[in-house]
Amino acid sequence: MFTSMTFSMVAVATAISMASSAMAAQGHDDSHAMHHDMQGEHTQVNQQKPWGIAGNEALVTRTVELRMNDQMMFVPAKFDVQEGETIRVVLHNDGKVVHEYVLGTQAELDAHAAMMASNVQMEHHQPYMVHVAPGETGEMIWNFNRTGVFDFACLIAGHYQAGMVGKVNVVAASQ
C-alpha cells in the first residue's frame, strides 16, 4: 500500500509538472527562446540581420558609450560607425527604472513595440537587445557589417512611445 501510494503521488507530481511546463511554453516562439541576464549575456547562435551581426569581443575596434535616463532619452541619440567595425556599446542606466537598448530597423522596432504593448511581461532575448537595471551598466558587442541608417530604442512599455529612440549611421568603409 505504501509503495503504490508513493508511486501515485510521484505520478501526480510528474503530471502536474509536465502540464505546468507545457502551459508556460504556450504562446512563446523560438524568437524569444534565448535567455540573458540584465547585463546582456546570451547563448544564441549569431544570425545576420540587416543592421549587422553580433560581434566578437576580440575584434572590437572601439567603444561607444550611451546613457539612458528617465526623461526617456539616449545620450547621445546618434552615433556614426564605419561598415565592418565591431563596436562595444556600453549602456549606462542613469534612471530609476529598467531601460533597454534594442538595435534594428524602424519596421522591426515598430513591430516589436506593438508586441510589447500587448504583452508587457514578454521576455525577449536576442544579441541585439540589452536590458539594464537602474544604476547599472550593460554592453553589447556588434559588428556593423551593413551600411545604412539603423535605429535603436527602449521598447519597455511607454518608453518607445515617449520618444526613447536613437540612430546609428553606418557608412561605407574607407578604401
N, C-alpha and C. Protein backbone atom coordinates (compact mmCIF):
# COMPACT_ATOMS: atom_id res chain seq x y z
N MET A 1 0.82 -1.20 0.00
CA MET A 1 0.00 0.00 0.00
C MET A 1 0.86 1.26 0.00
N PHE A 2 1.87 1.29 0.89
CA PHE A 2 2.75 2.45 0.96
C PHE A 2 3.46 2.69 -0.36
N THR A 3 3.91 1.61 -1.01
CA THR A 3 4.63 1.73 -2.27
C THR A 3 3.72 2.24 -3.37
N SER A 4 2.49 1.72 -3.46
CA SER A 4 1.59 2.19 -4.52
C SER A 4 1.15 3.63 -4.27
N MET A 5 0.99 4.02 -2.97
CA MET A 5 0.62 5.39 -2.68
C MET A 5 1.78 6.33 -3.03
N THR A 6 3.01 5.95 -2.73
CA THR A 6 4.18 6.76 -3.08
C THR A 6 4.28 6.88 -4.58
N PHE A 7 4.08 5.77 -5.29
CA PHE A 7 4.14 5.79 -6.75
C PHE A 7 3.07 6.73 -7.31
N SER A 8 1.86 6.67 -6.76
CA SER A 8 0.76 7.53 -7.23
C SER A 8 1.08 9.01 -7.00
N MET A 9 1.65 9.33 -5.84
CA MET A 9 1.99 10.72 -5.56
C MET A 9 3.07 11.23 -6.51
N VAL A 10 4.06 10.39 -6.80
CA VAL A 10 5.11 10.77 -7.74
C VAL A 10 4.52 10.97 -9.14
N ALA A 11 3.62 10.07 -9.54
CA ALA A 11 2.99 10.17 -10.86
C ALA A 11 2.18 11.46 -10.97
N VAL A 12 1.43 11.81 -9.93
CA VAL A 12 0.63 13.03 -9.95
C VAL A 12 1.55 14.25 -9.99
N ALA A 13 2.60 14.25 -9.19
CA ALA A 13 3.53 15.39 -9.19
C ALA A 13 4.19 15.55 -10.55
N THR A 14 4.55 14.44 -11.18
CA THR A 14 5.16 14.49 -12.51
C THR A 14 4.18 15.04 -13.52
N ALA A 15 2.93 14.59 -13.48
CA ALA A 15 1.92 15.07 -14.42
C ALA A 15 1.68 16.56 -14.25
N ILE A 16 1.61 17.03 -13.01
CA ILE A 16 1.40 18.46 -12.76
C ILE A 16 2.59 19.26 -13.29
N SER A 17 3.78 18.76 -13.04
CA SER A 17 4.98 19.45 -13.52
C SER A 17 5.01 19.54 -15.04
N MET A 18 4.67 18.44 -15.71
CA MET A 18 4.67 18.44 -17.17
C MET A 18 3.60 19.38 -17.72
N ALA A 19 2.43 19.38 -17.11
CA ALA A 19 1.35 20.26 -17.57
C ALA A 19 1.73 21.72 -17.38
N SER A 20 2.36 22.03 -16.23
CA SER A 20 2.79 23.41 -15.99
C SER A 20 3.80 23.86 -17.01
N SER A 21 4.75 22.98 -17.34
CA SER A 21 5.77 23.32 -18.34
C SER A 21 5.13 23.55 -19.70
N ALA A 22 4.18 22.71 -20.06
CA ALA A 22 3.52 22.86 -21.36
C ALA A 22 2.75 24.18 -21.42
N MET A 23 2.06 24.52 -20.32
CA MET A 23 1.30 25.76 -20.30
C MET A 23 2.24 26.96 -20.36
N ALA A 24 3.36 26.89 -19.68
CA ALA A 24 4.30 28.01 -19.69
C ALA A 24 4.90 28.22 -21.07
N ALA A 25 5.04 27.14 -21.82
CA ALA A 25 5.65 27.24 -23.15
C ALA A 25 4.69 27.78 -24.20
N GLN A 26 3.38 27.69 -23.94
CA GLN A 26 2.41 28.17 -24.92
C GLN A 26 2.57 29.66 -25.13
N GLY A 27 2.44 30.08 -26.38
CA GLY A 27 2.49 31.50 -26.68
C GLY A 27 3.89 32.06 -26.82
N HIS A 28 4.90 31.22 -26.73
CA HIS A 28 6.27 31.67 -26.91
C HIS A 28 6.84 31.00 -28.14
N ASP A 29 7.41 31.79 -29.03
CA ASP A 29 8.03 31.21 -30.21
C ASP A 29 9.53 31.20 -30.04
N ASP A 30 10.24 30.60 -30.99
CA ASP A 30 11.69 30.47 -30.90
C ASP A 30 12.41 31.80 -30.93
N SER A 31 11.77 32.85 -31.44
CA SER A 31 12.47 34.13 -31.50
C SER A 31 12.71 34.70 -30.11
N HIS A 32 12.02 34.18 -29.10
CA HIS A 32 12.20 34.66 -27.74
C HIS A 32 12.74 33.56 -26.83
N ALA A 33 13.35 32.52 -27.41
CA ALA A 33 13.75 31.36 -26.62
C ALA A 33 15.07 31.56 -25.88
N MET A 34 15.94 32.42 -26.32
CA MET A 34 17.22 32.61 -25.68
C MET A 34 17.06 33.43 -24.41
N HIS A 35 17.86 33.15 -23.42
CA HIS A 35 17.79 33.90 -22.17
C HIS A 35 19.09 34.64 -21.91
N HIS A 36 18.99 35.81 -21.31
CA HIS A 36 20.17 36.56 -20.89
C HIS A 36 19.86 37.27 -19.60
N ASP A 37 20.92 37.67 -18.92
CA ASP A 37 20.68 38.41 -17.68
C ASP A 37 20.63 39.90 -17.97
N MET A 38 20.55 40.70 -16.94
CA MET A 38 20.39 42.14 -17.12
C MET A 38 21.61 42.77 -17.80
N GLN A 39 22.71 42.08 -17.86
CA GLN A 39 23.90 42.62 -18.50
C GLN A 39 24.00 42.25 -19.97
N GLY A 40 23.04 41.49 -20.49
CA GLY A 40 23.03 41.22 -21.92
C GLY A 40 23.78 39.99 -22.34
N GLU A 41 24.18 39.11 -21.39
CA GLU A 41 24.86 37.89 -21.80
C GLU A 41 23.88 37.00 -22.54
N HIS A 42 24.38 36.28 -23.54
CA HIS A 42 23.48 35.45 -24.32
C HIS A 42 24.18 34.20 -24.82
N THR A 43 23.39 33.21 -25.23
CA THR A 43 23.93 31.95 -25.70
C THR A 43 23.42 31.59 -27.08
N GLN A 44 22.79 32.47 -27.75
CA GLN A 44 22.19 32.21 -29.05
C GLN A 44 23.24 32.22 -30.15
N VAL A 45 23.02 31.40 -31.17
CA VAL A 45 23.89 31.41 -32.34
C VAL A 45 23.70 32.74 -33.07
N ASN A 46 24.79 33.35 -33.48
CA ASN A 46 24.72 34.65 -34.15
C ASN A 46 24.02 34.52 -35.49
N GLN A 47 23.16 35.47 -35.78
CA GLN A 47 22.39 35.48 -37.01
C GLN A 47 22.55 36.84 -37.68
N GLN A 48 22.86 36.82 -38.97
CA GLN A 48 22.98 38.06 -39.73
C GLN A 48 21.65 38.78 -39.78
N LYS A 49 21.67 40.06 -39.51
CA LYS A 49 20.50 40.93 -39.58
C LYS A 49 20.79 42.03 -40.59
N PRO A 50 19.79 42.73 -41.06
CA PRO A 50 20.03 43.84 -41.99
C PRO A 50 20.96 44.91 -41.38
N TRP A 51 21.01 45.02 -40.06
CA TRP A 51 21.81 46.03 -39.38
C TRP A 51 23.13 45.46 -38.83
N GLY A 52 23.48 44.21 -39.18
CA GLY A 52 24.75 43.64 -38.76
C GLY A 52 24.60 42.30 -38.09
N ILE A 53 25.61 41.94 -37.29
CA ILE A 53 25.64 40.64 -36.62
C ILE A 53 26.37 40.80 -35.29
N ALA A 54 26.02 39.97 -34.32
CA ALA A 54 26.71 40.01 -33.03
C ALA A 54 28.20 39.90 -33.25
N GLY A 55 28.96 40.73 -32.55
CA GLY A 55 30.40 40.81 -32.76
C GLY A 55 31.21 39.93 -31.82
N ASN A 56 32.46 39.78 -32.17
CA ASN A 56 33.43 39.02 -31.40
C ASN A 56 34.24 40.01 -30.56
N GLU A 57 34.30 39.79 -29.26
CA GLU A 57 34.99 40.72 -28.36
C GLU A 57 36.45 40.95 -28.77
N ALA A 58 37.09 39.92 -29.30
CA ALA A 58 38.50 40.06 -29.70
C ALA A 58 38.67 41.02 -30.88
N LEU A 59 37.59 41.31 -31.61
CA LEU A 59 37.66 42.17 -32.80
C LEU A 59 37.14 43.58 -32.57
N VAL A 60 36.84 43.94 -31.32
CA VAL A 60 36.32 45.28 -31.02
C VAL A 60 37.35 46.33 -31.43
N THR A 61 36.90 47.31 -32.23
CA THR A 61 37.78 48.38 -32.70
C THR A 61 37.66 49.64 -31.85
N ARG A 62 36.50 49.84 -31.21
CA ARG A 62 36.33 51.00 -30.33
C ARG A 62 35.06 50.82 -29.50
N THR A 63 34.90 51.74 -28.56
CA THR A 63 33.76 51.70 -27.65
C THR A 63 32.93 52.96 -27.83
N VAL A 64 31.61 52.79 -27.85
CA VAL A 64 30.67 53.91 -27.87
C VAL A 64 29.88 53.81 -26.57
N GLU A 65 29.84 54.91 -25.81
CA GLU A 65 29.10 54.93 -24.55
C GLU A 65 27.81 55.71 -24.72
N LEU A 66 26.72 55.11 -24.27
CA LEU A 66 25.41 55.75 -24.30
C LEU A 66 24.85 55.77 -22.89
N ARG A 67 24.16 56.84 -22.56
CA ARG A 67 23.49 56.96 -21.27
C ARG A 67 21.98 56.91 -21.52
N MET A 68 21.28 56.22 -20.64
CA MET A 68 19.82 56.13 -20.71
C MET A 68 19.28 56.77 -19.44
N ASN A 69 18.17 57.51 -19.57
CA ASN A 69 17.64 58.19 -18.38
C ASN A 69 16.11 58.13 -18.34
N ASP A 70 15.57 58.56 -17.24
CA ASP A 70 14.11 58.52 -17.05
C ASP A 70 13.38 59.67 -17.73
N GLN A 71 14.11 60.54 -18.42
CA GLN A 71 13.48 61.53 -19.29
C GLN A 71 13.24 60.90 -20.66
N MET A 72 13.45 59.58 -20.73
CA MET A 72 13.22 58.76 -21.94
C MET A 72 14.12 59.22 -23.08
N MET A 73 15.41 59.33 -22.75
CA MET A 73 16.40 59.76 -23.74
C MET A 73 17.62 58.86 -23.71
N PHE A 74 18.22 58.70 -24.88
CA PHE A 74 19.58 58.16 -25.02
C PHE A 74 20.49 59.36 -25.24
N VAL A 75 21.64 59.38 -24.58
CA VAL A 75 22.60 60.46 -24.77
C VAL A 75 23.96 59.83 -25.04
N PRO A 76 24.52 60.02 -26.24
CA PRO A 76 23.94 60.72 -27.38
C PRO A 76 22.86 59.86 -28.04
N ALA A 77 22.03 60.50 -28.83
CA ALA A 77 20.95 59.81 -29.52
C ALA A 77 21.35 59.40 -30.93
N LYS A 78 22.60 59.66 -31.30
CA LYS A 78 23.07 59.26 -32.63
C LYS A 78 24.57 59.04 -32.56
N PHE A 79 25.03 58.00 -33.28
CA PHE A 79 26.47 57.82 -33.43
C PHE A 79 26.76 57.24 -34.81
N ASP A 80 28.00 57.46 -35.25
CA ASP A 80 28.44 57.02 -36.57
C ASP A 80 29.44 55.88 -36.45
N VAL A 81 29.37 54.96 -37.43
CA VAL A 81 30.22 53.77 -37.47
C VAL A 81 30.62 53.55 -38.91
N GLN A 82 31.81 53.00 -39.12
CA GLN A 82 32.21 52.59 -40.46
C GLN A 82 31.81 51.13 -40.67
N GLU A 83 31.36 50.82 -41.87
CA GLU A 83 31.00 49.45 -42.21
C GLU A 83 32.16 48.52 -41.86
N GLY A 84 31.83 47.43 -41.20
CA GLY A 84 32.84 46.44 -40.82
C GLY A 84 33.38 46.62 -39.42
N GLU A 85 33.12 47.76 -38.79
CA GLU A 85 33.60 47.98 -37.42
C GLU A 85 32.84 47.09 -36.44
N THR A 86 33.59 46.57 -35.48
CA THR A 86 32.99 45.86 -34.36
C THR A 86 33.08 46.80 -33.17
N ILE A 87 31.92 47.19 -32.67
CA ILE A 87 31.81 48.22 -31.63
C ILE A 87 31.32 47.61 -30.33
N ARG A 88 31.93 48.04 -29.24
CA ARG A 88 31.40 47.73 -27.91
C ARG A 88 30.51 48.91 -27.54
N VAL A 89 29.21 48.66 -27.40
CA VAL A 89 28.27 49.71 -26.99
C VAL A 89 28.07 49.52 -25.49
N VAL A 90 28.52 50.51 -24.72
CA VAL A 90 28.38 50.47 -23.26
C VAL A 90 27.18 51.33 -22.90
N LEU A 91 26.26 50.75 -22.15
CA LEU A 91 24.99 51.39 -21.84
C LEU A 91 24.88 51.65 -20.34
N HIS A 92 24.80 52.92 -19.97
CA HIS A 92 24.69 53.32 -18.57
C HIS A 92 23.23 53.71 -18.31
N ASN A 93 22.60 53.07 -17.35
CA ASN A 93 21.24 53.44 -16.98
C ASN A 93 21.31 54.39 -15.79
N ASP A 94 21.13 55.68 -16.07
CA ASP A 94 21.16 56.71 -15.03
C ASP A 94 19.81 56.88 -14.35
N GLY A 95 18.83 56.09 -14.75
CA GLY A 95 17.47 56.25 -14.24
C GLY A 95 17.15 55.40 -13.03
N LYS A 96 15.88 55.43 -12.67
CA LYS A 96 15.37 54.66 -11.53
C LYS A 96 14.49 53.50 -11.98
N VAL A 97 14.35 53.33 -13.31
CA VAL A 97 13.59 52.22 -13.87
C VAL A 97 14.46 51.48 -14.89
N VAL A 98 14.10 50.25 -15.19
CA VAL A 98 14.81 49.47 -16.19
C VAL A 98 14.67 50.13 -17.56
N HIS A 99 15.75 50.15 -18.30
CA HIS A 99 15.73 50.59 -19.69
C HIS A 99 16.38 49.51 -20.53
N GLU A 100 16.17 49.60 -21.83
CA GLU A 100 16.81 48.64 -22.72
C GLU A 100 17.27 49.33 -23.99
N TYR A 101 18.19 48.66 -24.65
CA TYR A 101 18.73 49.12 -25.93
C TYR A 101 18.44 48.00 -26.91
N VAL A 102 17.62 48.30 -27.90
CA VAL A 102 17.29 47.32 -28.95
C VAL A 102 17.68 47.95 -30.27
N LEU A 103 18.54 47.27 -30.99
CA LEU A 103 19.05 47.73 -32.28
C LEU A 103 18.25 47.08 -33.39
N GLY A 104 17.92 47.84 -34.45
CA GLY A 104 17.17 47.25 -35.56
C GLY A 104 16.80 48.28 -36.60
N THR A 105 15.84 47.90 -37.43
CA THR A 105 15.27 48.83 -38.40
C THR A 105 14.02 49.45 -37.78
N GLN A 106 13.57 50.55 -38.33
CA GLN A 106 12.35 51.18 -37.82
C GLN A 106 11.18 50.20 -37.85
N ALA A 107 11.04 49.46 -38.94
CA ALA A 107 9.93 48.50 -39.06
C ALA A 107 10.02 47.41 -37.99
N GLU A 108 11.22 46.89 -37.74
CA GLU A 108 11.41 45.85 -36.71
C GLU A 108 11.06 46.40 -35.33
N LEU A 109 11.54 47.60 -35.04
CA LEU A 109 11.27 48.19 -33.73
C LEU A 109 9.78 48.47 -33.55
N ASP A 110 9.12 48.98 -34.59
CA ASP A 110 7.68 49.23 -34.51
C ASP A 110 6.92 47.94 -34.22
N ALA A 111 7.27 46.88 -34.93
CA ALA A 111 6.60 45.59 -34.75
C ALA A 111 6.84 45.05 -33.34
N HIS A 112 8.07 45.14 -32.88
CA HIS A 112 8.38 44.62 -31.56
C HIS A 112 7.72 45.46 -30.46
N ALA A 113 7.67 46.77 -30.66
CA ALA A 113 7.00 47.65 -29.69
C ALA A 113 5.51 47.30 -29.59
N ALA A 114 4.89 46.99 -30.72
CA ALA A 114 3.47 46.61 -30.71
C ALA A 114 3.28 45.30 -29.93
N MET A 115 4.17 44.35 -30.12
CA MET A 115 4.09 43.10 -29.36
C MET A 115 4.28 43.36 -27.88
N MET A 116 5.23 44.23 -27.54
CA MET A 116 5.48 44.54 -26.13
C MET A 116 4.28 45.23 -25.49
N ALA A 117 3.60 46.09 -26.24
CA ALA A 117 2.44 46.80 -25.70
C ALA A 117 1.32 45.84 -25.34
N SER A 118 1.18 44.76 -26.13
CA SER A 118 0.10 43.81 -25.85
C SER A 118 0.51 42.76 -24.83
N ASN A 119 1.81 42.64 -24.54
CA ASN A 119 2.28 41.66 -23.57
C ASN A 119 3.48 42.25 -22.83
N VAL A 120 3.23 43.07 -21.83
CA VAL A 120 4.31 43.78 -21.14
C VAL A 120 5.25 42.84 -20.40
N GLN A 121 4.83 41.63 -20.11
CA GLN A 121 5.68 40.66 -19.42
C GLN A 121 6.48 39.80 -20.38
N MET A 122 6.33 40.05 -21.70
CA MET A 122 7.01 39.25 -22.70
C MET A 122 8.51 39.34 -22.52
N GLU A 123 9.15 38.17 -22.49
CA GLU A 123 10.61 38.15 -22.45
C GLU A 123 11.10 38.14 -23.88
N HIS A 124 12.12 38.91 -24.14
CA HIS A 124 12.72 38.89 -25.47
C HIS A 124 14.23 38.97 -25.29
N HIS A 125 14.90 38.06 -25.96
CA HIS A 125 16.33 37.92 -25.75
C HIS A 125 17.01 37.64 -27.09
N GLN A 126 17.70 38.60 -27.56
CA GLN A 126 18.45 38.48 -28.79
C GLN A 126 19.78 39.19 -28.59
N PRO A 127 20.79 38.86 -29.38
CA PRO A 127 22.08 39.53 -29.21
C PRO A 127 22.04 41.03 -29.47
N TYR A 128 21.00 41.53 -30.13
CA TYR A 128 20.90 42.97 -30.42
C TYR A 128 19.99 43.68 -29.42
N MET A 129 19.78 43.07 -28.23
CA MET A 129 18.96 43.65 -27.17
C MET A 129 19.71 43.55 -25.85
N VAL A 130 19.68 44.63 -25.08
CA VAL A 130 20.30 44.63 -23.76
C VAL A 130 19.37 45.32 -22.78
N HIS A 131 19.04 44.64 -21.68
CA HIS A 131 18.28 45.25 -20.58
C HIS A 131 19.29 45.74 -19.55
N VAL A 132 19.04 46.93 -18.99
CA VAL A 132 19.95 47.47 -17.99
C VAL A 132 19.13 47.94 -16.79
N ALA A 133 19.43 47.37 -15.64
CA ALA A 133 18.73 47.72 -14.41
C ALA A 133 19.11 49.14 -13.98
N PRO A 134 18.27 49.78 -13.18
CA PRO A 134 18.57 51.14 -12.70
C PRO A 134 19.94 51.20 -12.03
N GLY A 135 20.73 52.21 -12.42
CA GLY A 135 22.04 52.41 -11.82
C GLY A 135 23.12 51.45 -12.31
N GLU A 136 22.77 50.55 -13.22
CA GLU A 136 23.72 49.55 -13.71
C GLU A 136 24.23 49.92 -15.10
N THR A 137 25.18 49.12 -15.56
CA THR A 137 25.76 49.28 -16.89
C THR A 137 25.68 47.95 -17.61
N GLY A 138 25.33 47.99 -18.88
CA GLY A 138 25.31 46.80 -19.72
C GLY A 138 26.12 47.06 -20.96
N GLU A 139 26.29 46.02 -21.77
CA GLU A 139 27.01 46.23 -23.01
C GLU A 139 26.59 45.24 -24.08
N MET A 140 26.87 45.66 -25.30
CA MET A 140 26.62 44.85 -26.48
C MET A 140 27.84 44.98 -27.37
N ILE A 141 28.23 43.89 -27.97
CA ILE A 141 29.30 43.94 -28.96
C ILE A 141 28.66 43.60 -30.30
N TRP A 142 28.77 44.53 -31.25
CA TRP A 142 28.05 44.39 -32.51
C TRP A 142 28.97 44.70 -33.68
N ASN A 143 28.89 43.87 -34.71
CA ASN A 143 29.63 44.10 -35.95
C ASN A 143 28.66 44.73 -36.93
N PHE A 144 28.92 45.99 -37.26
CA PHE A 144 28.08 46.73 -38.20
C PHE A 144 28.60 46.47 -39.61
N ASN A 145 28.20 45.34 -40.17
CA ASN A 145 28.73 44.91 -41.48
C ASN A 145 27.79 45.23 -42.64
N ARG A 146 26.85 46.12 -42.42
CA ARG A 146 25.93 46.58 -43.46
C ARG A 146 25.85 48.10 -43.36
N THR A 147 25.83 48.78 -44.51
CA THR A 147 25.69 50.23 -44.49
C THR A 147 24.23 50.62 -44.35
N GLY A 148 24.01 51.83 -43.87
CA GLY A 148 22.66 52.36 -43.75
C GLY A 148 22.48 53.11 -42.44
N VAL A 149 21.30 53.66 -42.29
CA VAL A 149 20.93 54.32 -41.04
C VAL A 149 19.98 53.36 -40.32
N PHE A 150 20.38 52.95 -39.14
CA PHE A 150 19.59 51.99 -38.37
C PHE A 150 19.13 52.65 -37.08
N ASP A 151 18.19 52.02 -36.45
CA ASP A 151 17.56 52.61 -35.28
C ASP A 151 17.88 51.82 -34.03
N PHE A 152 17.80 52.49 -32.90
CA PHE A 152 17.81 51.80 -31.61
C PHE A 152 16.77 52.47 -30.74
N ALA A 153 16.25 51.71 -29.79
CA ALA A 153 15.17 52.22 -28.95
C ALA A 153 15.08 51.43 -27.66
N CYS A 154 14.39 52.00 -26.71
CA CYS A 154 13.98 51.30 -25.50
C CYS A 154 12.53 50.89 -25.73
N LEU A 155 12.27 49.58 -25.75
CA LEU A 155 10.93 49.09 -26.04
C LEU A 155 10.13 48.73 -24.79
N ILE A 156 10.63 49.14 -23.63
CA ILE A 156 9.84 48.98 -22.41
C ILE A 156 8.54 49.77 -22.62
N ALA A 157 7.43 49.20 -22.19
CA ALA A 157 6.13 49.82 -22.41
C ALA A 157 6.13 51.30 -22.03
N GLY A 158 5.76 52.14 -23.00
CA GLY A 158 5.68 53.58 -22.80
C GLY A 158 6.95 54.33 -23.12
N HIS A 159 8.10 53.69 -23.05
CA HIS A 159 9.36 54.38 -23.29
C HIS A 159 9.54 54.72 -24.77
N TYR A 160 9.28 53.75 -25.62
CA TYR A 160 9.40 53.97 -27.08
C TYR A 160 8.40 55.04 -27.52
N GLN A 161 7.19 54.93 -27.00
CA GLN A 161 6.13 55.87 -27.35
C GLN A 161 6.47 57.29 -26.86
N ALA A 162 7.28 57.38 -25.81
CA ALA A 162 7.69 58.69 -25.28
C ALA A 162 8.90 59.26 -26.04
N GLY A 163 9.39 58.51 -27.01
CA GLY A 163 10.48 59.02 -27.84
C GLY A 163 11.87 58.55 -27.45
N MET A 164 11.97 57.45 -26.70
CA MET A 164 13.29 56.95 -26.31
C MET A 164 13.89 56.14 -27.47
N VAL A 165 14.45 56.89 -28.42
CA VAL A 165 14.96 56.32 -29.67
C VAL A 165 16.27 56.99 -30.05
N GLY A 166 16.97 56.35 -30.97
CA GLY A 166 18.20 56.93 -31.50
C GLY A 166 18.55 56.31 -32.84
N LYS A 167 19.64 56.80 -33.43
CA LYS A 167 20.07 56.35 -34.77
C LYS A 167 21.54 56.00 -34.74
N VAL A 168 21.90 55.01 -35.55
CA VAL A 168 23.29 54.70 -35.82
C VAL A 168 23.47 54.76 -37.33
N ASN A 169 24.44 55.56 -37.76
CA ASN A 169 24.71 55.76 -39.18
C ASN A 169 25.94 54.93 -39.54
N VAL A 170 25.76 53.92 -40.38
CA VAL A 170 26.86 53.05 -40.79
C VAL A 170 27.25 53.45 -42.21
N VAL A 171 28.45 54.02 -42.34
CA VAL A 171 28.93 54.50 -43.63
C VAL A 171 29.91 53.49 -44.23
N ALA A 172 30.02 53.51 -45.55
CA ALA A 172 30.93 52.60 -46.25
C ALA A 172 32.35 52.81 -45.73
N ALA A 173 33.06 51.71 -45.56
CA ALA A 173 34.44 51.78 -45.08
C ALA A 173 35.32 52.48 -46.09
N SER A 174 36.28 53.24 -45.60
CA SER A 174 37.24 53.93 -46.47
C SER A 174 38.14 52.90 -47.12
N GLN A 175 38.44 53.12 -48.38
CA GLN A 175 39.31 52.18 -49.10
C GLN A 175 40.76 52.53 -48.95
